[in-house]
N, C-alpha and C. Protein backbone atom coordinates (compact mmCIF):
# COMPACT_ATOMS: atom_id res chain seq x y z
N MET A 1 0.84 -1.18 0.00
CA MET A 1 0.00 0.00 0.00
C MET A 1 0.88 1.24 0.00
N THR A 2 0.63 2.15 -0.92
CA THR A 2 1.40 3.40 -1.02
C THR A 2 0.70 4.47 -0.21
N THR A 3 1.44 5.16 0.65
CA THR A 3 0.86 6.26 1.41
C THR A 3 1.27 7.57 0.78
N ALA A 4 0.58 8.65 1.17
CA ALA A 4 0.90 9.98 0.64
C ALA A 4 2.36 10.33 0.91
N ALA A 5 2.88 9.92 2.06
CA ALA A 5 4.27 10.23 2.41
C ALA A 5 5.25 9.54 1.47
N GLN A 6 4.86 8.44 0.82
CA GLN A 6 5.73 7.71 -0.09
C GLN A 6 5.54 8.15 -1.54
N THR A 7 4.60 9.02 -1.80
CA THR A 7 4.24 9.41 -3.15
C THR A 7 4.84 10.76 -3.49
N SER A 8 5.48 10.84 -4.62
CA SER A 8 6.10 12.08 -5.07
C SER A 8 5.05 13.10 -5.48
N LEU A 9 5.33 14.36 -5.25
CA LEU A 9 4.45 15.46 -5.69
C LEU A 9 4.76 15.88 -7.12
N THR A 10 5.84 15.35 -7.69
CA THR A 10 6.26 15.73 -9.03
C THR A 10 5.14 15.49 -10.04
N GLY A 11 4.88 16.50 -10.85
CA GLY A 11 3.86 16.36 -11.89
C GLY A 11 3.04 17.61 -12.08
N LEU A 12 1.99 17.47 -12.87
CA LEU A 12 1.09 18.57 -13.21
C LEU A 12 -0.10 18.58 -12.26
N TRP A 13 -0.37 19.75 -11.69
CA TRP A 13 -1.48 19.95 -10.77
C TRP A 13 -2.35 21.08 -11.31
N HIS A 14 -3.65 21.02 -11.04
CA HIS A 14 -4.57 22.10 -11.38
C HIS A 14 -5.18 22.59 -10.09
N GLY A 15 -5.37 23.91 -10.00
CA GLY A 15 -5.87 24.42 -8.74
C GLY A 15 -6.69 25.68 -8.86
N GLN A 16 -7.17 26.10 -7.70
CA GLN A 16 -7.88 27.36 -7.60
C GLN A 16 -7.58 27.97 -6.24
N PHE A 17 -7.63 29.30 -6.19
CA PHE A 17 -7.51 29.97 -4.91
C PHE A 17 -8.63 30.97 -4.79
N SER A 18 -9.05 31.18 -3.54
CA SER A 18 -10.15 32.09 -3.25
C SER A 18 -9.62 33.34 -2.59
N TYR A 19 -10.26 34.45 -2.92
CA TYR A 19 -9.93 35.72 -2.30
C TYR A 19 -10.72 35.87 -1.01
N PRO A 20 -10.24 36.71 -0.09
CA PRO A 20 -10.99 36.93 1.15
C PRO A 20 -12.17 37.89 0.93
N ARG A 21 -12.28 38.45 -0.25
CA ARG A 21 -13.36 39.39 -0.57
C ARG A 21 -14.36 38.71 -1.50
N ALA A 22 -15.39 39.41 -1.84
CA ALA A 22 -16.45 38.86 -2.70
C ALA A 22 -16.03 38.86 -4.17
N MET A 23 -14.99 38.10 -4.49
CA MET A 23 -14.53 37.94 -5.86
C MET A 23 -14.56 36.46 -6.19
N ALA A 24 -14.78 36.16 -7.46
CA ALA A 24 -14.78 34.76 -7.90
C ALA A 24 -13.38 34.17 -7.73
N PRO A 25 -13.26 32.86 -7.54
CA PRO A 25 -11.94 32.24 -7.41
C PRO A 25 -11.15 32.34 -8.71
N GLU A 26 -9.83 32.24 -8.59
CA GLU A 26 -8.93 32.22 -9.74
C GLU A 26 -8.43 30.79 -9.92
N PHE A 27 -8.08 30.43 -11.16
CA PHE A 27 -7.62 29.08 -11.48
C PHE A 27 -6.19 29.13 -11.99
N PHE A 28 -5.44 28.05 -11.78
CA PHE A 28 -4.04 28.02 -12.19
C PHE A 28 -3.63 26.59 -12.50
N SER A 29 -2.49 26.46 -13.15
CA SER A 29 -1.85 25.15 -13.32
C SER A 29 -0.45 25.25 -12.74
N ALA A 30 -0.02 24.18 -12.11
CA ALA A 30 1.29 24.15 -11.46
C ALA A 30 2.04 22.91 -11.88
N THR A 31 3.32 23.07 -12.16
CA THR A 31 4.21 21.95 -12.42
C THR A 31 5.15 21.87 -11.23
N LEU A 32 5.07 20.76 -10.49
CA LEU A 32 5.88 20.59 -9.29
C LEU A 32 6.99 19.58 -9.53
N LEU A 33 8.10 19.81 -8.86
CA LEU A 33 9.23 18.90 -8.89
C LEU A 33 9.69 18.71 -7.45
N GLU A 34 9.60 17.47 -6.97
CA GLU A 34 10.00 17.17 -5.60
C GLU A 34 11.27 16.33 -5.62
N THR A 35 12.27 16.77 -4.88
CA THR A 35 13.52 16.05 -4.72
C THR A 35 13.79 15.97 -3.23
N SER A 36 13.84 14.75 -2.72
CA SER A 36 13.98 14.54 -1.28
C SER A 36 12.81 15.24 -0.61
N ASP A 37 13.04 16.17 0.30
CA ASP A 37 11.94 16.89 0.93
C ASP A 37 11.80 18.31 0.39
N LEU A 38 12.53 18.64 -0.68
CA LEU A 38 12.47 19.97 -1.27
C LEU A 38 11.48 20.00 -2.43
N LEU A 39 10.84 21.15 -2.60
CA LEU A 39 9.82 21.31 -3.62
C LEU A 39 10.12 22.55 -4.45
N GLY A 40 10.02 22.42 -5.76
CA GLY A 40 10.20 23.55 -6.66
C GLY A 40 9.19 23.44 -7.78
N GLY A 41 9.16 24.45 -8.63
CA GLY A 41 8.25 24.36 -9.76
C GLY A 41 7.83 25.72 -10.27
N SER A 42 6.76 25.69 -11.08
CA SER A 42 6.25 26.92 -11.68
C SER A 42 4.74 26.89 -11.73
N ILE A 43 4.17 28.08 -11.78
CA ILE A 43 2.71 28.25 -11.83
C ILE A 43 2.38 29.21 -12.95
N GLN A 44 1.29 28.93 -13.64
CA GLN A 44 0.77 29.81 -14.68
C GLN A 44 -0.71 30.04 -14.37
N GLU A 45 -1.12 31.31 -14.40
CA GLU A 45 -2.52 31.63 -14.17
C GLU A 45 -2.96 32.78 -15.06
N THR A 46 -4.15 32.65 -15.58
CA THR A 46 -4.76 33.73 -16.36
C THR A 46 -5.84 34.33 -15.49
N ILE A 47 -5.67 35.59 -15.15
CA ILE A 47 -6.54 36.27 -14.20
C ILE A 47 -7.95 36.44 -14.78
N GLN A 48 -8.95 36.14 -13.97
CA GLN A 48 -10.35 36.25 -14.38
C GLN A 48 -11.07 37.42 -13.74
N ASN A 49 -10.43 38.08 -12.77
CA ASN A 49 -11.06 39.15 -12.00
C ASN A 49 -10.22 40.42 -11.98
N GLY A 50 -10.86 41.52 -11.67
CA GLY A 50 -10.15 42.76 -11.38
C GLY A 50 -9.46 43.42 -12.55
N ARG A 51 -8.55 44.31 -12.22
CA ARG A 51 -7.90 45.14 -13.24
C ARG A 51 -6.95 44.38 -14.16
N HIS A 52 -6.53 43.17 -13.77
CA HIS A 52 -5.62 42.37 -14.60
C HIS A 52 -6.36 41.27 -15.37
N LYS A 53 -7.67 41.37 -15.44
CA LYS A 53 -8.49 40.35 -16.09
C LYS A 53 -7.98 40.06 -17.51
N GLY A 54 -7.80 38.75 -17.80
CA GLY A 54 -7.35 38.32 -19.11
C GLY A 54 -5.85 38.21 -19.27
N LYS A 55 -5.08 38.74 -18.31
CA LYS A 55 -3.63 38.67 -18.41
C LYS A 55 -3.12 37.37 -17.78
N THR A 56 -2.06 36.83 -18.38
CA THR A 56 -1.44 35.60 -17.86
C THR A 56 -0.19 35.98 -17.07
N PHE A 57 -0.09 35.41 -15.88
CA PHE A 57 1.05 35.66 -15.01
C PHE A 57 1.76 34.34 -14.70
N TYR A 58 3.07 34.44 -14.48
CA TYR A 58 3.91 33.28 -14.18
C TYR A 58 4.57 33.48 -12.82
N ALA A 59 4.75 32.38 -12.11
CA ALA A 59 5.39 32.43 -10.80
C ALA A 59 6.26 31.20 -10.62
N SER A 60 7.28 31.34 -9.79
CA SER A 60 8.09 30.18 -9.42
C SER A 60 7.72 29.82 -7.98
N ILE A 61 7.91 28.57 -7.65
CA ILE A 61 7.66 28.16 -6.27
C ILE A 61 8.87 27.42 -5.73
N SER A 62 9.08 27.57 -4.43
CA SER A 62 10.12 26.83 -3.73
C SER A 62 9.64 26.58 -2.31
N GLY A 63 9.93 25.40 -1.83
CA GLY A 63 9.47 25.07 -0.49
C GLY A 63 9.94 23.71 -0.04
N GLN A 64 9.20 23.14 0.89
CA GLN A 64 9.57 21.84 1.41
C GLN A 64 8.35 21.06 1.86
N ARG A 65 8.58 19.78 2.03
CA ARG A 65 7.53 18.88 2.45
C ARG A 65 8.02 18.07 3.63
N SER A 66 7.15 17.86 4.59
CA SER A 66 7.44 17.00 5.73
C SER A 66 6.23 16.09 5.91
N GLY A 67 6.34 14.86 5.42
CA GLY A 67 5.20 13.94 5.46
C GLY A 67 4.08 14.45 4.58
N ASN A 68 2.93 14.73 5.19
CA ASN A 68 1.82 15.27 4.41
C ASN A 68 1.67 16.79 4.57
N GLN A 69 2.63 17.44 5.23
CA GLN A 69 2.62 18.89 5.39
C GLN A 69 3.50 19.54 4.32
N ILE A 70 2.95 20.52 3.61
CA ILE A 70 3.67 21.17 2.52
C ILE A 70 3.64 22.67 2.75
N ARG A 71 4.81 23.28 2.65
CA ARG A 71 4.94 24.75 2.75
C ARG A 71 5.78 25.22 1.59
N PHE A 72 5.31 26.28 0.91
CA PHE A 72 6.10 26.84 -0.18
C PHE A 72 5.80 28.31 -0.35
N THR A 73 6.70 28.97 -1.06
CA THR A 73 6.55 30.38 -1.39
C THR A 73 6.37 30.49 -2.90
N LYS A 74 5.36 31.23 -3.31
CA LYS A 74 5.13 31.51 -4.74
C LYS A 74 5.61 32.93 -4.99
N ARG A 75 6.50 33.07 -5.99
CA ARG A 75 7.04 34.39 -6.35
C ARG A 75 6.63 34.72 -7.77
N TYR A 76 5.76 35.73 -7.87
CA TYR A 76 5.36 36.18 -9.20
C TYR A 76 6.56 36.80 -9.89
N GLU A 77 6.73 36.48 -11.16
CA GLU A 77 7.86 36.98 -11.93
C GLU A 77 7.46 38.05 -12.93
N THR A 78 6.14 38.31 -13.04
CA THR A 78 5.64 39.25 -14.04
C THR A 78 5.13 40.51 -13.35
N PRO A 79 5.77 41.67 -13.60
CA PRO A 79 5.23 42.91 -13.05
C PRO A 79 3.83 43.14 -13.65
N PRO A 80 2.92 43.71 -12.99
CA PRO A 80 3.04 44.41 -11.70
C PRO A 80 2.81 43.53 -10.48
N LEU A 81 2.73 42.23 -10.66
CA LEU A 81 2.48 41.33 -9.54
C LEU A 81 3.76 40.78 -8.93
N ALA A 82 4.85 41.50 -8.98
CA ALA A 82 6.13 41.00 -8.47
C ALA A 82 6.14 41.04 -6.93
N HIS A 83 5.60 39.97 -6.33
CA HIS A 83 5.61 39.82 -4.88
C HIS A 83 5.54 38.34 -4.53
N SER A 84 5.65 38.05 -3.24
CA SER A 84 5.66 36.66 -2.78
C SER A 84 4.41 36.34 -1.97
N ILE A 85 4.00 35.09 -2.05
CA ILE A 85 2.84 34.59 -1.31
C ILE A 85 3.26 33.30 -0.60
N LEU A 86 2.93 33.18 0.66
CA LEU A 86 3.27 32.00 1.45
C LEU A 86 2.09 31.03 1.45
N TYR A 87 2.39 29.74 1.25
CA TYR A 87 1.36 28.70 1.23
C TYR A 87 1.66 27.67 2.31
N GLU A 88 0.64 27.27 3.07
CA GLU A 88 0.74 26.20 4.05
C GLU A 88 -0.41 25.25 3.76
N SER A 89 -0.08 23.95 3.65
CA SER A 89 -1.10 23.02 3.19
C SER A 89 -0.87 21.60 3.68
N THR A 90 -1.87 20.77 3.38
CA THR A 90 -1.84 19.36 3.74
C THR A 90 -2.15 18.52 2.51
N LEU A 91 -1.39 17.46 2.33
CA LEU A 91 -1.60 16.51 1.25
C LEU A 91 -2.57 15.43 1.73
N ASN A 92 -3.56 15.07 0.90
CA ASN A 92 -4.52 14.04 1.31
C ASN A 92 -3.88 12.65 1.25
N ALA A 93 -4.61 11.65 1.74
CA ALA A 93 -4.08 10.29 1.89
C ALA A 93 -3.66 9.62 0.59
N ASP A 94 -4.37 9.90 -0.52
CA ASP A 94 -3.98 9.26 -1.78
C ASP A 94 -3.15 10.17 -2.67
N ALA A 95 -2.64 11.26 -2.11
CA ALA A 95 -1.72 12.19 -2.79
C ALA A 95 -2.28 12.78 -4.07
N THR A 96 -3.59 13.07 -4.06
CA THR A 96 -4.23 13.68 -5.23
C THR A 96 -4.73 15.09 -4.95
N GLU A 97 -4.68 15.55 -3.70
CA GLU A 97 -5.13 16.90 -3.35
C GLU A 97 -4.17 17.55 -2.35
N ILE A 98 -3.91 18.81 -2.59
CA ILE A 98 -3.16 19.64 -1.65
C ILE A 98 -4.10 20.79 -1.29
N GLU A 99 -4.42 20.93 -0.01
CA GLU A 99 -5.38 21.95 0.41
C GLU A 99 -4.80 22.75 1.56
N GLY A 100 -5.04 24.07 1.54
CA GLY A 100 -4.54 24.89 2.62
C GLY A 100 -4.87 26.36 2.46
N THR A 101 -3.98 27.19 3.00
CA THR A 101 -4.18 28.64 2.97
C THR A 101 -2.98 29.33 2.33
N TRP A 102 -3.24 30.48 1.74
CA TRP A 102 -2.19 31.34 1.20
C TRP A 102 -2.24 32.65 1.96
N THR A 103 -1.07 33.30 2.08
CA THR A 103 -0.98 34.56 2.81
C THR A 103 -0.01 35.50 2.11
N VAL A 104 -0.46 36.72 1.87
CA VAL A 104 0.44 37.79 1.47
C VAL A 104 0.81 38.47 2.79
N PRO A 105 2.09 38.40 3.19
CA PRO A 105 2.48 38.93 4.50
C PRO A 105 2.00 40.37 4.72
N ASN A 106 1.45 40.58 5.91
CA ASN A 106 0.94 41.89 6.34
C ASN A 106 -0.16 42.43 5.43
N SER A 107 -0.90 41.53 4.77
CA SER A 107 -1.93 42.00 3.85
C SER A 107 -3.18 41.13 3.99
N TRP A 108 -3.37 40.18 3.08
CA TRP A 108 -4.57 39.35 3.10
C TRP A 108 -4.25 37.90 2.86
N SER A 109 -5.27 37.04 2.99
CA SER A 109 -5.07 35.61 2.84
C SER A 109 -6.37 34.96 2.36
N GLY A 110 -6.25 33.69 1.99
CA GLY A 110 -7.41 32.95 1.53
C GLY A 110 -7.09 31.47 1.47
N LYS A 111 -8.00 30.70 0.90
CA LYS A 111 -7.84 29.25 0.79
C LYS A 111 -7.45 28.86 -0.63
N PHE A 112 -6.83 27.66 -0.76
CA PHE A 112 -6.51 27.15 -2.09
C PHE A 112 -6.63 25.63 -2.09
N LEU A 113 -6.76 25.08 -3.29
CA LEU A 113 -6.85 23.65 -3.49
C LEU A 113 -6.16 23.31 -4.80
N MET A 114 -5.32 22.27 -4.78
CA MET A 114 -4.66 21.76 -5.98
C MET A 114 -5.03 20.29 -6.11
N ILE A 115 -5.31 19.83 -7.35
CA ILE A 115 -5.67 18.43 -7.56
C ILE A 115 -4.91 17.86 -8.75
N ARG A 116 -4.78 16.55 -8.76
CA ARG A 116 -4.28 15.81 -9.91
C ARG A 116 -5.02 14.48 -9.94
N SER A 117 -5.06 13.86 -11.08
CA SER A 117 -5.78 12.59 -11.18
C SER A 117 -5.04 11.53 -10.39
N SER A 118 -5.76 10.57 -9.83
CA SER A 118 -5.14 9.54 -8.99
C SER A 118 -4.18 8.67 -9.78
N GLY A 119 -4.36 8.55 -11.09
CA GLY A 119 -3.47 7.76 -11.91
C GLY A 119 -2.12 8.40 -12.13
N VAL A 120 -2.00 9.72 -11.79
CA VAL A 120 -0.75 10.44 -12.02
C VAL A 120 0.20 10.32 -10.84
N ALA A 121 -0.34 10.10 -9.65
CA ALA A 121 0.50 10.01 -8.47
C ALA A 121 1.49 8.86 -8.65
N ALA A 122 2.75 9.15 -8.46
CA ALA A 122 3.79 8.15 -8.70
C ALA A 122 4.55 7.87 -7.42
N LYS A 123 4.88 6.62 -7.22
CA LYS A 123 5.70 6.24 -6.08
C LYS A 123 7.07 6.87 -6.20
N SER A 124 7.60 7.35 -5.08
CA SER A 124 8.97 7.86 -5.10
C SER A 124 9.90 6.70 -5.41
N SER A 125 10.83 6.93 -6.28
CA SER A 125 11.79 5.87 -6.59
C SER A 125 13.14 6.48 -6.87
N LYS A 126 14.16 5.67 -6.69
CA LYS A 126 15.52 6.10 -6.95
C LYS A 126 15.98 5.42 -8.24
N ARG A 127 16.39 6.22 -9.22
CA ARG A 127 16.85 5.67 -10.48
C ARG A 127 18.36 5.56 -10.45
N VAL A 128 18.82 4.48 -11.01
CA VAL A 128 20.26 4.26 -11.11
C VAL A 128 20.61 4.18 -12.59
N ALA A 129 21.56 5.01 -12.97
CA ALA A 129 21.97 5.02 -14.38
C ALA A 129 22.90 3.84 -14.65
N GLU A 130 22.71 3.24 -15.76
CA GLU A 130 23.56 2.13 -16.15
C GLU A 130 24.44 2.56 -17.30
N LYS A 131 25.73 2.39 -17.14
CA LYS A 131 26.65 2.77 -18.19
C LYS A 131 26.73 1.65 -19.24
N ILE A 132 26.57 2.03 -20.49
CA ILE A 132 26.59 1.02 -21.57
C ILE A 132 27.86 1.14 -22.35
């Protein structure tokens, strides 16, 4: 039996985050790469609300994982959204959902959810190169 702690987060995730105000949620796609307990990757989102509606923004993420607890920082790379957002979350038992909260320090926060299909979750494995 594979547990979430044994399953790599590496892969494509789809998600949404909610604002603390009366605005519709935003949607994004994330490509994660997990090595040991470190997490990296990128996020792409096309804004559906507010003054940036219709614009696509890119962000990098870096963080770490401890069992089913995941913490990372998302850094927008496209002005005018050049700032960082902190994420704290929990991975579900079958490693198909990451759910938690996001926070812009000293500003506002909200909830988020990332999902992937259960067939995509892959067991962590160590590859050994063979010299031919």
